Amino acid sequence: MPDKKKHVKTKFIFVTGGVVSSLGKGIAGASLAALLEARGLSITIQKLDPYINVDPGTMSPFQHGEVFVTDDGAETDLDLGHYERFTTAKLTKKNNFTTGQVYDTIIKKERRGDYLGGTVQVVPHVTDEIKSKILVLSNDIDVAIIEIGGTVGDIESLPFLEAIRQLRFDLGKENVLYIHLTLLPYIPTAHELKTKPTQHSVNKLREIGIQPDIILCRSDRDIDADLKAKISLFCNVDRDAVISARDVETVYEVPLVLREEGLDDKVLSLLNIWTGAPKLTKWINIVKKIKNPKHLVKIGIVGKYVNLQDSYKSLHEALIHGGIANNTKVELTYIDSEDIEKKGAASFLKKVDGLLVPGGFGSRGVEGKISAIKYAREKKMPYFGICLGMQLAVVEVARNLASMKGANSIEFAPETKYPVIDFMEDQRGIETKGGTMRLGAYPCTLSKGSKAHKSYGTLEISERHRHRFEVNNVLRDKVEKAGLELSGLSPNGELVEIVELKGHPWFIGCQFHPEFKSSPANPHPLFVDFVKAILKSKGPSSKLPVKKAAVKGKPKRGSK
């Protein structure tokens, strides 16, 4: 059990949600973190997921969205991607844990006899384990923001809510703050926003023993003073603690809107922290570039999880970042690779300016992706392949340029004569899902003068991986002779990390996931160059008419 007398420097902010899921707790927490970081505070963010899975690594993208990967190889919730994009924090395995991990730890302790034969219970054993995983963050960080997944009232969330209730007693009122994000629905027939769902949600939270200090009210419009006063009265919070979290054009405007509402001022006041005014020039410029682009490009994303775009969340954002760096609006068209198998690549890709094939697992839709890659190669369309997108580029070149008929990955055709994508020797015989995965950050050495080298501006890089298969070294000479340059290799030369097609304006595939290291303030160089290549290919037709648009949410209160 945590030592209640122990001094903890770190202040903790807990973000909960009510009424419905997917209100944007991750964006809200990340935006608050951005504001606090802009004031000079050091921050970290943690996501607590109540589901019993140990991690999202084996969950369907249709249910969970993308799996975000950290440098140390943790497969985590996609919200950690928001946290890294909005801040400079570099997150690790400590920044995301699930009910499954908590119970796994407790059961192992019980089997070892750590509890001395005592009865193991939710309180105190589960709640103490949750608290210990939260307090791991309290080293040299000023503020830790902790997001509780799910909604108040979910049975799975109760141990987490009980744990954070206890932490206020453990650490003291000035060290713990509760923020509750809730929905204010607009009812068209009544022509008004309704506060009753918020009241019920807060009441449910109070039944558990948590009185929120701040309420973020998510709505599609601004909330007037009278409505804020009503929420303040019925939910027992200060009037200036009722914050409007209205819909905005771009998520990167949220920090500015919350600054305008005074969220960071209220948080610092309640936690008794003094700082100077936030420096938000970076966020103002990002929003201006997004709202006032000079060019437009259309990029087709050919994948198999296109019915849930959260499956490609980091990818989506990284392409937007590439557009920001080029003063370009990036219009994304998601194309189901199975539709290409039925109707052909041309009917879909002739409407876009560039093609990206992302990662994925399983054989469904693979031939459609290969057809799309062939189209981009033959039409000299800028092409970017990521993970599986790189592997299938190797397959396409092997089949159609290297005379290896039927070439494939052993993932899809175990008996193929030409397994250009294969397991490495030390991966064979491992049956546990994830046991053969290459996860986390690995170094890569680039070929001097290659497009990748020009993009990065250095010969040594490190990128995050999440994949199971590799380019087969036995057959790689054949694809090289066919025109595929292996421009990025592991330092020992054994693993292919980047491929480029000679004679093509821009055709790059990478085995890693560069989208995991991109942010609006620091766009990843490969995405920047991909958009730049599309602009060059498109020429003057990419230009948009000049327009002037005001940036909503311009900071007040002495912001710089």
Protein backbone atom coordinates (compact mmCIF):
# COMPACT_ATOMS: atom_id res chain seq x y z
CA MET A 1 0.00 0.00 0.00
CA PRO A 2 1.37 3.48 -0.83
CA ASP A 3 2.98 5.34 2.08
CA LYS A 4 0.55 8.14 2.95
CA LYS A 5 3.31 10.17 4.63
CA LYS A 6 5.57 10.10 1.60
CA HIS A 7 6.06 13.51 -0.03
CA VAL A 8 5.16 13.45 -3.72
CA LYS A 9 6.32 16.37 -5.83
CA THR A 10 4.08 15.57 -8.79
CA LYS A 11 0.56 16.98 -9.04
CA PHE A 12 -2.03 14.55 -10.44
CA ILE A 13 -4.97 15.43 -12.70
CA PHE A 14 -7.53 12.69 -13.32
CA VAL A 15 -9.76 12.95 -16.39
CA THR A 16 -13.01 10.97 -16.42
CA GLY A 17 -15.86 10.87 -18.92
CA GLY A 18 -19.60 10.52 -18.75
CA VAL A 19 -22.83 10.09 -20.71
CA VAL A 20 -21.26 8.50 -23.81
CA SER A 21 -17.86 7.25 -24.89
CA SER A 22 -15.67 8.83 -27.59
CA LEU A 23 -16.24 12.37 -26.33
CA GLY A 24 -12.55 13.14 -26.63
CA LYS A 25 -10.98 12.62 -23.20
CA GLY A 26 -7.67 11.88 -24.92
CA ILE A 27 -7.71 15.12 -26.90
CA ALA A 28 -8.84 17.08 -23.82
CA GLY A 29 -6.08 15.63 -21.68
CA ALA A 30 -3.47 16.15 -24.39
CA SER A 31 -4.62 19.74 -24.94
CA LEU A 32 -4.41 20.54 -21.23
CA ALA A 33 -0.94 18.98 -21.20
CA ALA A 34 0.03 21.22 -24.12
CA LEU A 35 -1.15 24.29 -22.21
CA LEU A 36 0.74 23.34 -19.06
CA GLU A 37 3.86 22.53 -21.07
CA ALA A 38 3.55 25.93 -22.77
CA ARG A 39 3.80 27.44 -19.28
CA GLY A 40 7.11 25.71 -18.65
CA LEU A 41 5.88 22.76 -16.60
CA SER A 42 7.15 19.24 -17.17
CA ILE A 43 4.30 16.83 -17.84
CA THR A 44 3.48 13.23 -18.53
CA ILE A 45 0.19 11.54 -19.43
CA GLN A 46 -1.10 8.08 -18.63
CA LYS A 47 -4.07 6.11 -19.97
CA LEU A 48 -5.85 3.56 -17.77
CA ASP A 49 -7.90 1.09 -19.82
CA PRO A 50 -10.54 -0.93 -17.93
CA TYR A 51 -10.76 -3.81 -20.41
CA ILE A 52 -9.38 -7.20 -19.35
CA ASN A 53 -7.11 -7.65 -22.39
CA VAL A 54 -3.48 -7.38 -21.36
CA ASP A 55 -2.89 -4.90 -24.19
CA PRO A 56 -4.58 -3.94 -27.48
CA GLY A 57 -2.02 -5.89 -29.55
CA THR A 58 -4.34 -8.78 -30.39
CA MET A 59 -7.57 -6.75 -30.58
CA SER A 60 -9.35 -6.07 -33.87
CA PRO A 61 -8.72 -2.57 -35.28
CA PHE A 62 -12.46 -2.38 -35.94
CA GLN A 63 -13.09 -2.54 -32.19
CA HIS A 64 -10.15 -0.69 -30.78
CA GLY A 65 -8.69 1.46 -33.54
CA GLU A 66 -4.95 1.60 -34.10
CA VAL A 67 -2.33 0.17 -31.78
CA PHE A 68 0.19 2.87 -30.90
CA VAL A 69 3.77 1.75 -30.23
CA THR A 70 6.30 3.43 -27.94
CA ASP A 71 10.09 3.41 -28.23
CA ASP A 72 10.36 0.67 -25.61
CA GLY A 73 8.01 -1.60 -27.54
CA ALA A 74 4.75 -1.20 -25.65
CA GLU A 75 1.58 -1.82 -27.67
CA THR A 76 -0.76 0.81 -26.29
CA ASP A 77 -4.03 2.65 -26.69
CA LEU A 78 -4.26 5.15 -29.55
CA ASP A 79 -4.67 8.01 -27.06
CA LEU A 80 -0.94 7.82 -26.36
CA GLY A 81 -0.51 8.99 -29.94
CA HIS A 82 -2.52 12.12 -29.10
CA TYR A 83 -0.37 12.67 -26.02
CA GLU A 84 2.89 12.54 -27.97
CA ARG A 85 1.57 14.68 -30.83
CA PHE A 86 0.42 17.47 -28.49
CA THR A 87 3.46 17.48 -26.19
CA THR A 88 7.17 16.76 -26.14
CA ALA A 89 6.69 13.91 -23.64
CA LYS A 90 8.19 10.57 -24.70
CA LEU A 91 5.99 7.85 -23.30
CA THR A 92 6.82 4.29 -22.27
CA LYS A 93 5.17 1.11 -21.01
CA LYS A 94 4.44 2.92 -17.76
CA ASN A 95 2.07 5.33 -19.50
CA ASN A 96 -0.64 2.79 -20.35
CA PHE A 97 -1.99 -0.14 -18.40
CA THR A 98 -5.13 -2.25 -18.42
CA THR A 99 -7.28 -4.26 -16.03
CA GLY A 100 -5.71 -7.33 -17.62
CA GLN A 101 -2.21 -6.20 -16.61
CA VAL A 102 -3.36 -5.37 -13.08
CA TYR A 103 -4.99 -8.76 -12.53
CA ASP A 104 -2.07 -10.56 -14.18
CA THR A 105 0.30 -8.94 -11.67
CA ILE A 106 -1.96 -9.70 -8.70
CA ILE A 107 -2.51 -13.34 -9.64
CA LYS A 108 1.25 -13.88 -10.04
CA LYS A 109 1.81 -12.35 -6.60
CA GLU A 110 -0.88 -14.55 -5.09
CA ARG A 111 0.64 -17.69 -6.64
CA ARG A 112 4.05 -16.76 -5.21
CA GLY A 113 2.51 -16.32 -1.77
CA ASP A 114 3.19 -12.58 -1.60
CA TYR A 115 -0.11 -12.03 0.23
CA LEU A 116 0.84 -14.56 2.95
CA GLY A 117 -2.27 -16.65 2.40
CA GLY A 118 -4.66 -13.74 2.89
CA THR A 119 -7.86 -13.27 0.93
CA VAL A 120 -7.16 -11.24 -2.21
CA GLN A 121 -9.84 -8.59 -2.78
CA VAL A 122 -10.64 -5.69 -5.09
CA VAL A 123 -10.15 -3.34 -2.13
CA PRO A 124 -7.38 -3.06 -1.11
CA HIS A 125 -5.32 -5.32 -3.41
CA VAL A 126 -6.59 -4.29 -6.85
CA THR A 127 -6.91 -0.62 -5.94
CA ASP A 128 -3.43 -0.61 -4.36
CA GLU A 129 -1.95 -2.14 -7.50
CA ILE A 130 -3.64 0.54 -9.61
CA LYS A 131 -2.34 3.28 -7.31
CA SER A 132 1.19 1.91 -7.42
CA LYS A 133 1.13 1.97 -11.25
CA ILE A 134 -0.02 5.60 -11.16
CA LEU A 135 2.52 6.70 -8.55
CA VAL A 136 5.38 5.29 -10.65
CA LEU A 137 5.06 8.55 -12.62
CA SER A 138 5.79 10.76 -9.60
CA ASN A 139 9.54 11.14 -9.97
CA ASP A 140 10.75 14.36 -11.59
CA ILE A 141 7.52 15.46 -13.32
CA ASP A 142 5.55 18.55 -12.31
CA VAL A 143 2.14 17.35 -13.48
CA ALA A 144 0.81 13.92 -14.45
CA ILE A 145 -2.48 13.77 -16.32
CA ILE A 146 -4.27 10.44 -15.97
CA GLU A 147 -7.12 9.51 -18.31
CA ILE A 148 -9.59 6.87 -17.13
CA GLY A 149 -10.97 4.94 -20.11
CA GLY A 150 -14.66 4.26 -20.58
CA THR A 151 -17.45 6.18 -18.88
CA VAL A 152 -18.67 6.65 -15.32
CA GLY A 153 -21.12 3.85 -14.58
CA ASP A 154 -19.19 1.15 -16.46
CA ILE A 155 -18.71 -1.81 -14.14
CA GLU A 156 -15.17 -2.32 -15.45
CA SER A 157 -14.16 1.22 -14.40
CA LEU A 158 -15.17 0.97 -10.73
CA PRO A 159 -11.80 -0.25 -9.34
CA PHE A 160 -10.01 2.57 -11.19
CA LEU A 161 -12.40 5.21 -9.89
CA GLU A 162 -12.09 3.86 -6.36
CA ALA A 163 -8.30 3.98 -6.67
CA ILE A 164 -8.23 7.62 -7.78
CA ARG A 165 -10.76 8.50 -5.05
CA GLN A 166 -8.35 7.12 -2.48
CA LEU A 167 -5.39 8.99 -3.95
CA ARG A 168 -6.85 12.34 -2.96
CA PHE A 169 -6.73 11.21 0.67
CA ASP A 170 -3.28 9.71 0.19
CA LEU A 171 -1.68 12.74 -1.45
CA GLY A 172 -3.74 15.72 -0.27
CA LYS A 173 -6.32 17.96 -1.92
CA GLU A 174 -3.78 20.37 -3.44
CA ASN A 175 -2.01 17.51 -5.20
CA VAL A 176 -5.01 15.83 -6.86
CA LEU A 177 -7.56 17.32 -9.26
CA TYR A 178 -10.59 15.74 -10.92
CA ILE A 179 -11.80 16.85 -14.36
CA HIS A 180 -15.00 15.35 -15.76
CA LEU A 181 -15.78 15.52 -19.49
CA THR A 182 -19.45 15.26 -20.32
CA LEU A 183 -21.89 15.83 -23.16
CA LEU A 184 -24.33 18.69 -23.58
CA PRO A 185 -26.58 17.52 -26.43
CA TYR A 186 -28.44 20.04 -28.56
CA ILE A 187 -32.10 19.14 -29.06
CA PRO A 188 -33.27 20.74 -32.34
CA THR A 189 -36.98 20.56 -31.50
CA ALA A 190 -36.41 22.40 -28.22
CA HIS A 191 -33.76 24.71 -29.73
CA GLU A 192 -31.54 24.34 -26.69
CA LEU A 193 -28.66 22.49 -25.09
CA LYS A 194 -29.70 20.08 -22.35
CA THR A 195 -27.82 19.84 -19.06
CA LYS A 196 -29.63 16.84 -17.56
CA PRO A 197 -27.20 14.20 -18.96
CA THR A 198 -24.35 16.15 -17.38
CA GLN A 199 -26.17 16.36 -14.06
CA HIS A 200 -26.83 12.62 -14.03
CA SER A 201 -23.22 11.84 -14.98
CA VAL A 202 -21.82 14.03 -12.20
CA ASN A 203 -24.28 12.57 -9.69
CA LYS A 204 -23.09 9.08 -10.62
CA LEU A 205 -19.50 10.16 -10.07
CA ARG A 206 -20.39 11.68 -6.70
CA GLU A 207 -22.09 8.44 -5.64
CA ILE A 208 -18.71 6.78 -6.09
CA GLY A 209 -17.17 9.41 -3.84
CA ILE A 210 -15.58 11.74 -6.39
CA GLN A 211 -16.63 15.37 -6.63
CA PRO A 212 -15.28 16.82 -9.89
CA ASP A 213 -13.38 20.08 -9.55
CA ILE A 214 -13.80 21.05 -13.21
CA ILE A 215 -16.45 20.05 -15.75
CA LEU A 216 -15.62 20.13 -19.46
CA CYS A 217 -18.86 20.42 -21.42
CA ARG A 218 -18.57 18.95 -24.90
CA SER A 219 -21.07 20.45 -27.34
CA ASP A 220 -21.40 21.52 -30.95
CA ARG A 221 -21.69 25.20 -29.96
CA ASP A 222 -20.66 27.68 -27.27
CA ILE A 223 -22.31 27.53 -23.85
CA ASP A 224 -23.72 30.79 -22.51
CA ALA A 225 -23.22 32.13 -18.98
CA ASP A 226 -26.72 31.15 -17.80
CA LEU A 227 -26.19 27.53 -18.78
CA LYS A 228 -22.81 27.47 -17.07
CA ALA A 229 -24.42 28.89 -13.93
CA LYS A 230 -27.04 26.15 -13.99
CA ILE A 231 -24.42 23.42 -14.33
CA SER A 232 -22.38 25.05 -11.56
CA LEU A 233 -25.37 25.04 -9.21
CA PHE A 234 -26.57 21.49 -9.84
CA CYS A 235 -23.12 19.91 -10.10
CA ASN A 236 -21.57 21.74 -7.14
CA VAL A 237 -18.59 23.29 -8.93
CA ASP A 238 -17.33 26.88 -9.24
CA ARG A 239 -18.82 28.87 -12.09
CA ASP A 240 -15.40 29.41 -13.65
CA ALA A 241 -14.84 25.64 -13.44
CA VAL A 242 -17.56 24.97 -16.02
CA ILE A 243 -15.59 24.96 -19.27
CA SER A 244 -17.03 24.94 -22.78
CA ALA A 245 -15.35 22.34 -25.01
CA ARG A 246 -17.03 23.18 -28.28
CA ASP A 247 -16.47 21.46 -31.61
CA VAL A 248 -13.66 22.94 -33.71
CA GLU A 249 -12.39 22.59 -37.28
CA THR A 250 -9.16 20.87 -36.26
CA VAL A 251 -8.14 19.08 -33.07
CA TYR A 252 -5.04 21.28 -32.93
CA GLU A 253 -7.32 24.24 -32.17
CA VAL A 254 -8.51 22.63 -28.91
CA PRO A 255 -5.61 23.98 -26.78
CA LEU A 256 -6.44 27.51 -27.94
CA VAL A 257 -10.16 27.10 -27.22
CA LEU A 258 -9.51 25.69 -23.75
CA ARG A 259 -7.04 28.52 -23.10
CA GLU A 260 -9.72 31.03 -24.10
CA GLU A 261 -12.04 29.37 -21.57
CA GLY A 262 -9.41 29.67 -18.82
CA LEU A 263 -8.98 25.96 -18.18
CA ASP A 264 -5.26 26.14 -17.45
CA ASP A 265 -5.71 29.13 -15.11
CA LYS A 266 -8.32 27.23 -13.10
CA VAL A 267 -6.19 24.07 -12.93
CA LEU A 268 -3.13 25.98 -11.68
CA SER A 269 -5.21 27.85 -9.11
CA LEU A 270 -6.72 24.66 -7.69
CA LEU A 271 -3.35 22.90 -7.60
CA ASN A 272 -1.60 25.94 -6.14
CA ILE A 273 0.97 26.18 -8.93
CA TRP A 274 2.45 29.48 -10.11
CA THR A 275 3.76 29.94 -13.65
CA GLY A 276 4.04 32.66 -16.23
CA ALA A 277 1.64 33.06 -19.16
CA PRO A 278 1.67 30.27 -21.75
CA LYS A 279 3.64 30.75 -24.94
CA LEU A 280 1.22 29.57 -27.62
CA THR A 281 2.69 31.02 -30.81
CA LYS A 282 3.44 27.48 -32.01
CA TRP A 283 -0.23 26.43 -31.77
CA ILE A 284 -1.50 29.66 -33.32
CA ASN A 285 0.77 29.17 -36.34
CA ILE A 286 -0.22 25.52 -36.73
CA VAL A 287 -3.92 26.40 -36.78
CA LYS A 288 -3.33 29.27 -39.24
CA LYS A 289 -1.54 26.95 -41.64
CA ILE A 290 -4.30 24.35 -41.43
CA LYS A 291 -7.03 26.94 -42.03
CA ASN A 292 -5.24 28.90 -44.73
CA PRO A 293 -3.43 26.41 -46.99
CA LYS A 294 -1.88 27.49 -50.28
CA HIS A 295 -2.19 24.12 -52.01
CA LEU A 296 -4.42 21.06 -52.15
CA VAL A 297 -3.43 17.44 -52.75
CA LYS A 298 -5.55 14.30 -52.69
CA ILE A 299 -4.03 11.14 -51.27
CA GLY A 300 -5.55 7.69 -51.57
CA ILE A 301 -5.06 5.33 -48.62
CA VAL A 302 -5.64 1.76 -49.72
CA GLY A 303 -6.26 -0.43 -46.68
CA LYS A 304 -8.51 -3.07 -45.18
CA TYR A 305 -9.74 -1.25 -42.04
CA VAL A 306 -11.11 1.80 -43.82
CA ASN A 307 -14.57 1.54 -42.24
CA LEU A 308 -13.05 2.71 -38.96
CA GLN A 309 -10.61 5.53 -39.65
CA ASP A 310 -9.30 5.40 -36.06
CA SER A 311 -7.52 2.26 -37.30
CA TYR A 312 -5.14 4.65 -39.07
CA LYS A 313 -5.28 7.56 -36.61
CA SER A 314 -1.55 8.32 -36.37
CA LEU A 315 -1.19 7.88 -40.12
CA HIS A 316 -4.05 10.28 -40.79
CA GLU A 317 -2.49 12.90 -38.52
CA ALA A 318 1.03 12.43 -39.91
CA LEU A 319 -0.25 13.18 -43.42
CA ILE A 320 -1.90 16.35 -42.07
CA HIS A 321 1.47 17.25 -40.52
CA GLY A 322 3.18 16.73 -43.88
CA GLY A 323 0.63 19.13 -45.33
CA ILE A 324 1.28 21.74 -42.63
CA ALA A 325 5.00 21.74 -43.47
CA ASN A 326 4.15 22.35 -47.14
CA ASN A 327 1.31 24.87 -46.57
CA THR A 328 -0.95 22.27 -48.11
CA LYS A 329 -4.38 20.91 -47.36
CA VAL A 330 -4.21 17.12 -47.51
CA GLU A 331 -7.50 15.56 -48.57
CA LEU A 332 -7.57 11.87 -47.68
CA THR A 333 -9.60 9.25 -49.53
CA TYR A 334 -9.83 5.86 -47.83
CA ILE A 335 -10.18 3.03 -50.35
CA ASP A 336 -11.06 -0.54 -49.42
CA SER A 337 -8.50 -2.83 -51.02
CA GLU A 338 -11.20 -5.47 -51.58
CA ASP A 339 -13.06 -2.98 -53.78
CA ILE A 340 -9.94 -2.63 -55.92
CA GLU A 341 -9.89 -6.42 -56.33
CA LYS A 342 -13.44 -6.22 -57.70
CA LYS A 343 -13.25 -3.10 -59.85
CA GLY A 344 -9.57 -2.53 -60.58
CA ALA A 345 -7.14 0.10 -59.33
CA ALA A 346 -7.65 2.68 -62.07
CA SER A 347 -11.29 3.40 -61.20
CA PHE A 348 -10.22 4.56 -57.73
CA LEU A 349 -6.68 5.89 -58.11
CA LYS A 350 -7.22 8.11 -61.13
CA LYS A 351 -9.05 10.45 -58.74
CA VAL A 352 -6.09 10.92 -56.37
CA ASP A 353 -2.63 12.50 -56.64
CA GLY A 354 -0.65 10.08 -54.49
CA LEU A 355 -0.98 6.61 -52.98
CA LEU A 356 -0.23 5.28 -49.52
CA VAL A 357 -0.56 1.64 -48.49
CA PRO A 358 -0.39 1.24 -44.68
CA GLY A 359 0.34 -1.71 -42.42
CA GLY A 360 -2.03 -4.56 -41.64
CA PHE A 361 -2.28 -8.26 -40.90
CA GLY A 362 -4.03 -11.12 -42.71
CA SER A 363 -4.59 -11.99 -46.36
CA ARG A 364 -7.88 -10.19 -46.95
CA GLY A 365 -7.49 -7.47 -49.56
CA VAL A 366 -3.79 -8.08 -50.19
CA GLU A 367 -4.11 -8.55 -53.97
CA GLY A 368 -5.99 -5.26 -54.18
CA LYS A 369 -3.10 -3.51 -52.47
CA ILE A 370 -0.61 -5.09 -54.88
CA SER A 371 -2.72 -3.92 -57.83
CA ALA A 372 -2.73 -0.39 -56.42
CA ILE A 373 1.06 -0.45 -56.00
CA LYS A 374 1.51 -1.62 -59.59
CA TYR A 375 -0.71 1.22 -60.80
CA ALA A 376 1.37 3.80 -58.85
CA ARG A 377 4.63 2.33 -60.16
CA GLU A 378 3.53 2.30 -63.79
CA LYS A 379 1.84 5.72 -63.70
CA LYS A 380 4.78 7.32 -61.87
CA MET A 381 2.42 8.33 -59.07
CA PRO A 382 4.13 9.20 -55.76
CA TYR A 383 3.92 6.10 -53.58
CA PHE A 384 4.50 5.59 -49.86
CA GLY A 385 4.35 2.07 -48.41
CA ILE A 386 4.44 1.53 -44.66
CA CYS A 387 5.15 -1.86 -43.04
CA LEU A 388 2.94 -4.22 -45.07
CA GLY A 389 2.88 -1.49 -47.72
CA MET A 390 6.65 -1.88 -48.09
CA GLN A 391 6.50 -5.67 -48.09
CA LEU A 392 3.86 -5.71 -50.83
CA ALA A 393 5.95 -3.26 -52.89
CA VAL A 394 8.74 -5.85 -52.75
CA VAL A 395 6.23 -8.54 -53.79
CA GLU A 396 4.96 -6.43 -56.70
CA VAL A 397 8.47 -5.72 -57.98
CA ALA A 398 9.44 -9.38 -57.59
CA ARG A 399 6.43 -10.54 -59.60
CA ASN A 400 6.41 -7.97 -62.35
CA LEU A 401 10.01 -6.76 -62.71
CA ALA A 402 12.15 -9.62 -61.37
CA SER A 403 10.36 -12.48 -63.17
CA MET A 404 9.47 -14.29 -59.94
CA LYS A 405 6.00 -15.48 -60.87
CA GLY A 406 3.82 -16.08 -57.84
CA ALA A 407 6.19 -14.29 -55.46
CA ASN A 408 4.53 -13.57 -52.14
CA SER A 409 4.88 -13.33 -48.39
CA ILE A 410 4.71 -16.58 -46.46
CA GLU A 411 2.04 -14.86 -44.36
CA PHE A 412 -0.32 -15.21 -47.33
CA ALA A 413 1.18 -18.06 -49.36
CA PRO A 414 3.28 -20.40 -47.17
CA GLU A 415 4.08 -22.68 -50.14
CA THR A 416 5.14 -19.96 -52.58
CA LYS A 417 8.20 -20.72 -54.70
CA TYR A 418 9.48 -17.19 -54.11
CA PRO A 419 8.96 -16.16 -50.45
CA VAL A 420 10.38 -12.67 -50.82
CA ILE A 421 8.88 -11.85 -47.39
CA ASP A 422 9.64 -14.45 -44.74
CA PHE A 423 10.27 -15.11 -41.05
CA MET A 424 13.77 -14.65 -39.73
CA GLU A 425 15.32 -17.88 -38.47
CA ASP A 426 14.97 -17.00 -34.78
CA GLN A 427 11.23 -16.37 -35.20
CA ARG A 428 10.35 -19.88 -36.32
CA GLY A 429 8.48 -22.19 -33.97
CA ILE A 430 7.12 -19.43 -31.71
CA GLU A 431 3.37 -19.89 -31.29
CA THR A 432 2.37 -17.07 -28.90
CA LYS A 433 0.71 -14.19 -30.72
CA GLY A 434 3.11 -11.28 -30.55
CA GLY A 435 6.00 -13.60 -29.76
CA THR A 436 7.42 -13.11 -33.25
CA MET A 437 6.77 -9.37 -33.39
CA ARG A 438 9.55 -6.82 -33.75
CA LEU A 439 8.31 -4.05 -31.48
CA GLY A 440 9.66 -0.64 -30.54
CA ALA A 441 12.58 1.50 -31.69
CA TYR A 442 15.39 0.02 -33.80
CA PRO A 443 18.32 1.77 -35.52
CA CYS A 444 18.68 2.02 -39.29
CA THR A 445 21.55 3.08 -41.55
CA LEU A 446 20.67 4.92 -44.77
CA SER A 447 22.43 4.79 -48.13
CA LYS A 448 24.25 8.01 -48.89
CA GLY A 449 22.49 10.04 -51.59
CA SER A 450 19.23 8.08 -51.40
CA LYS A 451 15.87 9.82 -51.22
CA ALA A 452 15.56 8.64 -47.61
CA HIS A 453 18.95 10.17 -46.79
CA LYS A 454 17.90 13.47 -48.36
CA SER A 455 14.64 13.42 -46.41
CA TYR A 456 16.20 12.76 -43.02
CA GLY A 457 19.38 14.76 -43.56
CA THR A 458 21.36 12.10 -41.68
CA LEU A 459 22.63 8.58 -42.27
CA GLU A 460 21.67 7.15 -38.86
CA ILE A 461 18.03 7.05 -37.74
CA SER A 462 15.83 5.25 -35.21
CA GLU A 463 12.21 4.32 -35.89
CA ARG A 464 9.42 2.33 -34.23
CA HIS A 465 8.40 -1.10 -35.51
CA ARG A 466 5.39 -3.39 -35.20
CA HIS A 467 5.61 -6.31 -37.60
CA ARG A 468 6.30 -10.02 -37.85
CA PHE A 469 7.89 -10.65 -41.27
CA GLU A 470 11.05 -9.39 -43.00
CA VAL A 471 12.45 -9.14 -46.53
CA ASN A 472 14.01 -12.50 -47.36
CA ASN A 473 17.79 -12.03 -47.62
CA VAL A 474 18.10 -15.07 -49.90
CA LEU A 475 16.05 -13.36 -52.63
CA ARG A 476 16.86 -9.72 -52.10
CA ASP A 477 19.62 -9.63 -54.74
CA LYS A 478 17.02 -10.44 -57.41
CA VAL A 479 14.73 -7.52 -56.52
CA GLU A 480 17.75 -5.22 -56.32
CA LYS A 481 18.75 -6.18 -59.86
CA ALA A 482 15.17 -5.43 -60.95
CA GLY A 483 15.54 -1.83 -59.81
CA LEU A 484 14.61 -1.83 -56.13
CA GLU A 485 17.20 0.02 -54.05
CA LEU A 486 17.52 -1.18 -50.45
CA SER A 487 18.31 2.28 -49.10
CA GLY A 488 17.86 1.57 -45.39
CA LEU A 489 19.30 -1.42 -43.53
CA SER A 490 19.81 -2.46 -39.93
CA PRO A 491 23.35 -1.60 -38.76
CA ASN A 492 24.47 -5.21 -39.34
CA GLY A 493 22.97 -5.20 -42.85
CA GLU A 494 20.69 -8.16 -42.13
CA LEU A 495 17.28 -6.44 -42.07
CA VAL A 496 15.77 -4.32 -44.84
CA GLU A 497 14.21 -1.16 -43.43
CA ILE A 498 13.66 1.09 -46.48
CA VAL A 499 13.27 0.41 -50.20
CA GLU A 500 13.16 2.86 -53.12
CA LEU A 501 12.38 2.31 -56.79
CA LYS A 502 15.03 3.59 -59.15
CA GLY A 503 13.77 5.78 -61.97
CA HIS A 504 10.54 6.65 -60.18
CA PRO A 505 9.87 10.27 -59.04
CA TRP A 506 9.03 9.16 -55.46
CA PHE A 507 8.47 5.53 -54.55
CA ILE A 508 9.48 4.67 -50.97
CA GLY A 509 8.55 1.84 -48.65
CA CYS A 510 9.63 1.53 -45.03
CA GLN A 511 9.35 -1.45 -42.70
CA PHE A 512 8.78 0.76 -39.64
CA HIS A 513 5.92 3.10 -38.70
CA PRO A 514 7.13 6.70 -39.13
CA GLU A 515 3.67 8.03 -38.27
CA PHE A 516 4.30 7.21 -34.60
CA LYS A 517 7.00 9.90 -34.39
CA SER A 518 5.25 12.73 -36.23
CA SER A 519 3.67 15.81 -34.65
CA PRO A 520 2.23 19.06 -36.02
CA ALA A 521 5.17 21.03 -34.62
CA ASN A 522 7.73 18.47 -35.82
CA PRO A 523 6.38 16.67 -38.91
CA HIS A 524 8.10 13.45 -39.88
CA PRO A 525 10.51 14.05 -42.82
CA LEU A 526 9.13 11.16 -44.94
CA PHE A 527 5.60 12.57 -44.79
CA VAL A 528 6.89 16.06 -45.54
CA ASP A 529 8.74 14.79 -48.61
CA PHE A 530 5.82 12.61 -49.72
CA VAL A 531 3.51 15.64 -49.83
CA LYS A 532 6.26 17.71 -51.48
CA ALA A 533 6.66 15.05 -54.18
CA ILE A 534 2.91 15.08 -54.85
CA LEU A 535 2.97 18.88 -55.15
CA LYS A 536 5.82 18.65 -57.66
CA SER A 537 3.98 15.97 -59.62
CA LYS A 538 0.74 17.94 -59.62
CA GLY A 539 2.34 21.27 -60.56
CA PRO A 540 0.42 24.57 -60.66
CA SER A 541 -2.95 22.80 -60.42
CA SER A 542 -2.31 22.27 -56.69
CA LYS A 543 -2.68 25.99 -55.89
CA LEU A 544 -5.74 27.16 -53.98
CA PRO A 545 -7.31 30.64 -54.18
CA VAL A 546 -6.07 32.94 -51.43
CA LYS A 547 -8.48 33.43 -48.54
CA LYS A 548 -8.37 34.96 -45.10
CA ALA A 549 -9.90 33.15 -42.13
CA ALA A 550 -9.85 34.21 -38.51
CA VAL A 551 -8.39 31.77 -36.02
CA LYS A 552 -10.97 30.97 -33.39
CA GLY A 553 -9.85 30.58 -29.84
CA LYS A 554 -7.11 33.21 -29.97
CA PRO A 555 -5.56 33.21 -26.49
CA LYS A 556 -6.39 35.89 -23.98
CA ARG A 557 -5.06 36.64 -20.48
CA GLY A 558 -1.66 37.91 -21.54
CA SER A 559 -0.67 34.96 -23.76
CA LYS A 560 2.38 35.44 -25.91
